[in-house]
Protein backbone atom coordinates (compact mmCIF):
# COMPACT_ATOMS: atom_id res chain seq x y z
CA UNK A 1 99.84 87.14 105.41
CA UNK A 2 96.41 85.90 104.37
CA UNK A 3 93.68 87.33 102.19
CA UNK A 4 91.24 89.20 104.38
CA UNK A 5 88.27 89.52 102.01
CA UNK A 6 87.03 87.16 99.33
CA UNK A 7 86.22 90.01 97.00
CA UNK A 8 89.71 91.50 96.72
CA UNK A 9 90.97 89.28 93.88
CA UNK A 10 92.23 91.70 91.25
CA UNK A 11 94.68 91.60 88.37
CA UNK A 12 98.24 91.50 89.68
CA UNK A 13 100.34 94.63 89.57
CA UNK A 14 104.06 94.47 88.88
CA UNK A 15 106.18 93.89 91.95
CA UNK A 16 108.01 97.09 92.85
CA UNK A 17 111.05 95.10 93.91
CA UNK A 18 111.66 92.40 91.27
CA UNK A 19 109.18 93.45 88.56
CA UNK A 20 107.38 90.11 88.35
CA UNK A 21 103.62 89.74 87.90
CA UNK A 22 103.36 87.14 90.65
CA UNK A 23 101.85 89.56 93.15
CA UNK A 24 98.69 88.81 95.12
CA UNK A 25 96.54 91.34 96.91
CA UNK A 26 96.54 90.35 100.58
CA UNK A 27 94.51 93.12 102.18
CA UNK A 28 93.87 96.79 102.81
CA UNK A 29 94.68 99.24 105.53
CA UNK A 30 93.27 102.71 106.07
CA UNK A 31 95.88 105.38 106.57
CA UNK A 32 96.11 107.18 109.89
CA UNK A 33 97.69 110.28 108.35
CA UNK A 34 96.53 110.18 104.73
CA UNK A 35 92.85 109.33 105.03
CA UNK A 36 92.41 106.69 102.34
CA UNK A 37 92.68 102.95 101.76
CA UNK A 38 96.02 101.41 100.81
CA UNK A 39 96.36 97.98 99.21
CA UNK A 40 99.05 95.54 100.32
CA UNK A 41 100.48 93.16 97.71
CA UNK A 42 102.72 90.14 98.26
CA UNK A 43 105.10 88.98 95.53
CA UNK A 44 105.48 85.20 95.39
CA UNK A 45 108.63 85.53 93.28
CA UNK A 46 110.73 87.50 95.81
CA UNK A 47 108.64 87.48 99.04
CA UNK A 48 108.36 91.27 99.04
CA UNK A 49 105.23 93.11 100.26
CA UNK A 50 104.45 96.55 98.89
CA UNK A 51 101.83 99.28 99.19
CA UNK A 52 99.70 100.59 96.35
CA UNK A 53 99.19 103.40 95.55
CA UNK A 54 102.58 104.86 96.42
CA UNK A 55 101.84 107.94 98.58
CA UNK A 56 104.82 109.99 97.38
CA UNK A 57 107.66 111.59 99.30
CA UNK A 58 105.79 114.76 100.28
CA UNK A 59 105.12 113.38 103.76
CA UNK A 60 108.80 113.90 104.68
CA UNK A 61 108.28 117.44 105.91
CA UNK A 62 109.36 119.23 109.07
CA UNK A 63 106.34 117.63 110.78
CA UNK A 64 107.65 114.17 109.96
CA UNK A 65 111.11 114.86 111.36
CA UNK A 66 109.68 116.32 114.57
CA UNK A 67 107.48 113.28 115.19
CA UNK A 68 104.16 115.01 114.47
CA UNK A 69 103.75 113.45 111.02
CA UNK A 70 102.72 109.91 110.04
CA UNK A 71 105.37 108.25 112.23
CA UNK A 72 104.83 109.24 115.88
CA UNK A 73 107.93 107.33 117.01
CA UNK A 74 110.54 109.54 115.37
CA UNK A 75 112.03 112.73 116.76
CA UNK A 76 114.86 113.60 114.42
CA UNK A 77 114.85 117.20 115.58
CA UNK A 78 116.17 116.17 119.02
CA UNK A 79 118.59 113.76 117.37
CA UNK A 80 119.88 116.53 115.14
CA UNK A 81 120.44 118.90 118.07
CA UNK A 82 122.20 116.41 120.36
CA UNK A 83 122.19 112.76 119.31
CA UNK A 84 124.15 111.80 122.43
CA UNK A 85 121.28 112.78 124.71
CA UNK A 86 118.72 110.58 122.92
CA UNK A 87 118.04 106.86 123.25
CA UNK A 88 119.17 106.38 119.68
CA UNK A 89 122.78 106.54 120.85
CA UNK A 90 122.37 102.85 121.78
CA UNK A 91 121.61 102.05 118.15
CA UNK A 92 124.47 104.19 116.84
CA UNK A 93 126.90 102.53 119.26
CA UNK A 94 125.70 99.15 117.98
CA UNK A 95 126.35 100.05 114.36
CA UNK A 96 129.77 101.44 115.28
CA UNK A 97 130.64 98.20 117.08
CA UNK A 98 129.65 96.14 114.04
CA UNK A 99 131.34 98.39 111.51
CA UNK A 100 134.62 98.71 113.38
CA UNK A 101 134.71 94.98 113.96
CA UNK A 102 134.24 94.51 110.24
CA UNK A 103 136.96 97.04 109.45
CA UNK A 104 139.43 95.32 111.76
CA UNK A 105 138.70 91.94 110.19
CA UNK A 106 138.29 92.88 106.53
CA UNK A 107 139.54 96.35 105.59
CA UNK A 108 143.13 97.54 105.37
CA UNK A 109 144.10 100.49 107.55
CA UNK A 110 143.60 103.89 105.95
CA UNK A 111 140.69 105.95 104.69
CA UNK A 112 137.18 104.49 104.88
CA UNK A 113 134.67 106.26 102.66
CA UNK A 114 131.23 105.85 104.23
CA UNK A 115 127.94 106.75 102.51
CA UNK A 116 124.92 107.11 104.81
CA UNK A 117 122.08 106.70 102.31
CA UNK A 118 118.88 108.12 103.79
CA UNK A 119 120.73 110.20 106.36
CA UNK A 120 117.60 112.00 107.60
CA UNK A 121 118.43 114.76 110.06
CA UNK A 122 122.06 113.69 110.14
CA UNK A 123 122.37 112.25 113.62
CA UNK A 124 124.33 109.20 112.51
CA UNK A 125 126.57 111.31 110.26
CA UNK A 126 127.41 113.51 113.24
CA UNK A 127 128.09 110.40 115.31
CA UNK A 128 130.51 109.16 112.62
CA UNK A 129 132.17 112.56 112.26
CA UNK A 130 132.77 112.65 116.02
CA UNK A 131 134.45 109.24 115.78
CA UNK A 132 136.33 109.84 112.56
CA UNK A 133 139.40 107.95 113.71
CA UNK A 134 139.36 104.32 114.83
CA UNK A 135 142.50 102.64 116.17
CA UNK A 136 143.05 99.00 117.00
CA UNK A 137 146.16 96.81 117.40
CA UNK A 138 148.46 99.48 116.03
CA UNK A 139 146.31 100.14 112.97
CA UNK A 140 144.19 103.20 112.20
CA UNK A 141 141.15 103.90 110.01
CA UNK A 142 139.84 107.38 109.15
CA UNK A 143 136.11 107.73 108.40
CA UNK A 144 135.14 110.09 105.59
CA UNK A 145 131.35 110.33 105.70
CA UNK A 146 128.86 111.75 103.20
CA UNK A 147 125.11 111.36 102.92
CA UNK A 148 122.05 111.27 100.73
CA UNK A 149 118.42 112.12 101.46
CA UNK A 150 115.38 113.78 99.91
CA UNK A 151 114.02 115.22 103.16
CA UNK A 152 113.95 118.81 104.35
CA UNK A 153 117.15 118.37 106.37
CA UNK A 154 119.33 117.66 103.35
CA UNK A 155 119.99 121.34 102.59
CA UNK A 156 120.51 122.17 106.26
CA UNK A 157 123.09 119.42 106.67
CA UNK A 158 125.02 120.76 103.71
CA UNK A 159 124.64 124.48 104.39
CA UNK A 160 124.80 124.60 108.19
CA UNK A 161 126.82 121.50 109.11
CA UNK A 162 129.22 121.33 106.17
CA UNK A 163 128.39 117.74 105.24
CA UNK A 164 128.63 116.49 101.68
CA UNK A 165 125.02 115.61 100.80
CA UNK A 166 124.76 114.06 97.35
CA UNK A 167 121.70 113.80 95.13
CA UNK A 168 120.73 110.52 93.53
CA UNK A 169 122.01 111.64 90.13
CA UNK A 170 125.33 112.64 91.69
CA UNK A 171 125.66 109.21 93.26
CA UNK A 172 124.73 107.52 90.00
CA UNK A 173 127.58 109.40 88.28
CA UNK A 174 130.21 108.20 90.74
CA UNK A 175 132.65 105.42 89.80
CA UNK A 176 132.24 101.79 90.81
CA UNK A 177 133.64 100.76 94.18
CA UNK A 178 133.64 104.25 95.64
CA UNK A 179 132.71 103.36 99.25
CA UNK A 180 134.04 100.90 101.79
CA UNK A 181 130.84 101.14 103.86
CA UNK A 182 127.31 102.07 102.82
CA UNK A 183 124.56 102.28 105.43
CA UNK A 184 120.82 102.16 104.79
CA UNK A 185 119.43 102.50 108.30
CA UNK A 186 115.63 102.11 108.33
CA UNK A 187 115.55 103.35 104.73
CA UNK A 188 114.51 100.60 102.34
CA UNK A 189 110.95 100.38 103.69
CA UNK A 190 110.44 103.98 102.49
CA UNK A 191 111.50 103.40 98.87
CA UNK A 192 109.08 103.12 95.97
CA UNK A 193 111.51 101.01 93.92
CA UNK A 194 114.09 99.51 96.31
CA UNK A 195 115.84 97.45 93.63
CA UNK A 196 117.19 100.64 92.04
CA UNK A 197 118.82 101.66 95.32
CA UNK A 198 120.24 98.21 96.03
CA UNK A 199 121.65 98.09 92.50
CA UNK A 200 123.30 101.49 92.99
CA UNK A 201 124.64 100.53 96.43
CA UNK A 202 126.06 97.27 95.09
CA UNK A 203 127.84 99.13 92.29
CA UNK A 204 129.21 101.85 94.56
CA UNK A 205 130.37 99.42 97.23
CA UNK A 206 134.03 98.54 97.06
CA UNK A 207 134.87 94.83 96.79
CA UNK A 208 135.36 93.65 100.36
CA UNK A 209 133.09 96.43 101.63
CA UNK A 210 130.07 96.35 103.93
CA UNK A 211 126.44 97.19 103.17
CA UNK A 212 124.82 97.88 106.56
CA UNK A 213 121.03 97.55 106.25
CA UNK A 214 118.30 97.61 108.89
CA UNK A 215 114.57 97.33 108.28
CA UNK A 216 111.58 95.67 109.91
CA UNK A 217 111.17 91.91 109.65
CA UNK A 218 107.62 91.00 108.60
CA UNK A 219 108.43 87.30 108.94
CA UNK A 220 108.99 87.75 112.68
CA UNK A 221 106.75 86.13 115.28
CA UNK A 222 105.10 89.44 116.23
CA UNK A 223 104.54 90.50 112.61
CA UNK A 224 102.98 87.16 111.70
CA UNK A 225 100.65 87.31 114.70
CA UNK A 226 99.51 90.86 113.95
CA UNK A 227 99.28 90.73 110.14
CA UNK A 228 98.19 94.04 108.66
CA UNK A 229 97.38 95.27 112.18
CA UNK A 230 101.10 95.27 113.00
CA UNK A 231 102.02 98.79 114.13
CA UNK A 232 104.96 98.82 111.70
CA UNK A 233 102.53 98.69 108.75
CA UNK A 234 102.24 102.44 108.17
CA UNK A 235 101.35 102.72 104.46
CA UNK A 236 101.95 106.47 104.25
CA UNK A 237 105.68 105.99 104.87
CA UNK A 238 106.47 102.26 105.02
CA UNK A 239 105.69 101.33 101.45
CA UNK A 240 107.76 98.13 101.16
CA UNK A 241 108.34 95.25 103.58
CA UNK A 242 111.07 92.65 103.66
CA UNK A 243 111.57 89.19 105.09
CA UNK A 244 115.08 87.76 105.60
CA UNK A 245 114.60 85.74 102.42
CA UNK A 246 113.56 88.81 100.43
CA UNK A 247 116.71 90.66 101.50
CA UNK A 248 118.91 87.69 100.66
CA UNK A 249 117.30 87.45 97.21
CA UNK A 250 117.91 91.09 96.37
CA UNK A 251 121.51 90.91 97.60
CA UNK A 252 122.29 87.91 95.44
CA UNK A 253 120.60 89.51 92.46
CA UNK A 254 123.20 92.27 92.67
CA UNK A 255 126.24 90.15 93.42
CA UNK A 256 126.32 90.66 97.17
CA UNK A 257 126.74 88.04 99.89
CA UNK A 258 124.37 88.10 102.89
CA UNK A 259 125.96 88.36 106.34
CA UNK A 260 124.20 88.44 109.71
CA UNK A 261 125.08 90.35 112.85
CA UNK A 262 123.81 90.03 116.40
CA UNK A 263 122.21 93.33 117.42
CA UNK A 264 121.98 94.66 120.95
CA UNK A 265 121.68 98.43 121.17
CA UNK A 266 119.52 98.53 118.05
CA UNK A 267 117.06 96.15 119.71
CA UNK A 268 116.95 98.25 122.87
CA UNK A 269 116.29 101.42 120.88
CA UNK A 270 113.46 99.83 118.88
CA UNK A 271 111.67 99.07 122.14
CA UNK A 272 112.31 102.33 123.96
CA UNK A 273 111.30 104.58 121.06
CA UNK A 274 107.78 103.10 120.99
CA UNK A 275 107.11 103.90 124.64
CA UNK A 276 105.32 107.15 125.34
CA UNK A 277 105.71 107.86 129.07
CA UNK A 278 108.94 108.79 130.80
CA UNK A 279 108.31 106.15 133.48
CA UNK A 280 107.94 103.34 130.96
CA UNK A 281 111.09 104.46 129.17
CA UNK A 282 113.05 104.46 132.45
CA UNK A 283 111.81 100.97 133.27
CA UNK A 284 112.71 99.70 129.78
CA UNK A 285 116.23 101.16 129.98
CA UNK A 286 116.79 99.21 133.20
CA UNK A 287 115.13 95.98 132.06
CA UNK A 288 116.98 95.97 128.75
CA UNK A 289 120.33 95.97 130.49
CA UNK A 290 119.69 92.25 130.93
CA UNK A 291 121.08 90.28 127.96
CA UNK A 292 118.21 87.79 128.29
CA UNK A 293 115.62 90.54 127.82
CA UNK A 294 117.37 91.82 124.70
CA UNK A 295 117.62 88.30 123.25
CA UNK A 296 113.93 87.71 123.91
CA UNK A 297 112.86 90.92 122.16
CA UNK A 298 115.24 90.13 119.32
CA UNK A 299 113.67 86.69 118.93
CA UNK A 300 110.14 88.11 118.89
CA UNK A 301 110.86 90.83 116.34
CA UNK A 302 113.57 89.07 114.33
CA UNK A 303 115.94 92.03 114.21
CA UNK A 304 119.15 89.99 114.00
CA UNK A 305 117.64 87.68 111.38
CA UNK A 306 117.65 90.51 108.83
CA UNK A 307 120.96 90.19 106.94
CA UNK A 308 123.38 92.88 105.89
CA UNK A 309 125.73 92.16 102.97
CA UNK A 310 129.31 92.23 101.78
CA UNK A 311 130.69 92.54 98.28
CA UNK A 312 133.08 89.71 97.44
CA UNK A 313 136.55 90.53 96.27
CA UNK A 314 137.68 89.14 92.90
CA UNK A 315 139.45 85.81 93.21
CA UNK A 316 143.09 86.18 94.02
CA UNK A 317 142.63 89.59 95.62
CA UNK A 318 143.30 89.68 99.38
């Protein structure tokens, strides 16, 4: 990103990711939902971009989850009612494919404790609960899923659906290596201080386990062309932005090893959810059946370039 105005040079604020003072103000954007200017800072030390001032978590109301809040592309209410009838099932299937492939290659058969951090309305938790048993080559894994969120659905998921929804303090009190899989699906861009969450996830992840992370790639071709006009730059909710290098840096800072996956269904969902008319959605569903089309979109938006992570086992431990 480049500086947009010559008069925006100001004393650096501390990076909300690594804490350094090597941040430079790169521009402003006026909020569409909260009517005010937001500053965007880039940290030269860790390549992280963050929004100032932090707008708070009050925007995550019922309006947000129904798609009438600051993010018009979400409809968690429909996902909560019947995730299988929504286009997001393509993304969930993708994550399941990656996770089960990882389990088969890296985890012994048995119980798999899975934490969905930032579980929202619970669609992915319901997906995992409906597929609690995975079998392959005579081996079997049983998924035990729990979640965390600060949104209005957290109580409903616990009270009405019977899920274990843990507060941050409850997670912080849990022992090291508690979970074989931890997912942060489109979560880290919403966090005021992401390093705290990555540190917690790294501690709670079992050696040999998988940290499944998705977030927008602001080093992608489309993001670089659009700059602060990129539609993903929604300062009311997306308060922190990562490049592949920024994710790799934060993983290594917490003893994790970056690993990349090739996404398919997640790419298709990212396209379809931004389309407004039923006709355009139908056309996209057909066009994105072509592997070439998915690879092209993936190349433009850099989805598969954003790494997940594993936690190495101690030497000598299989």
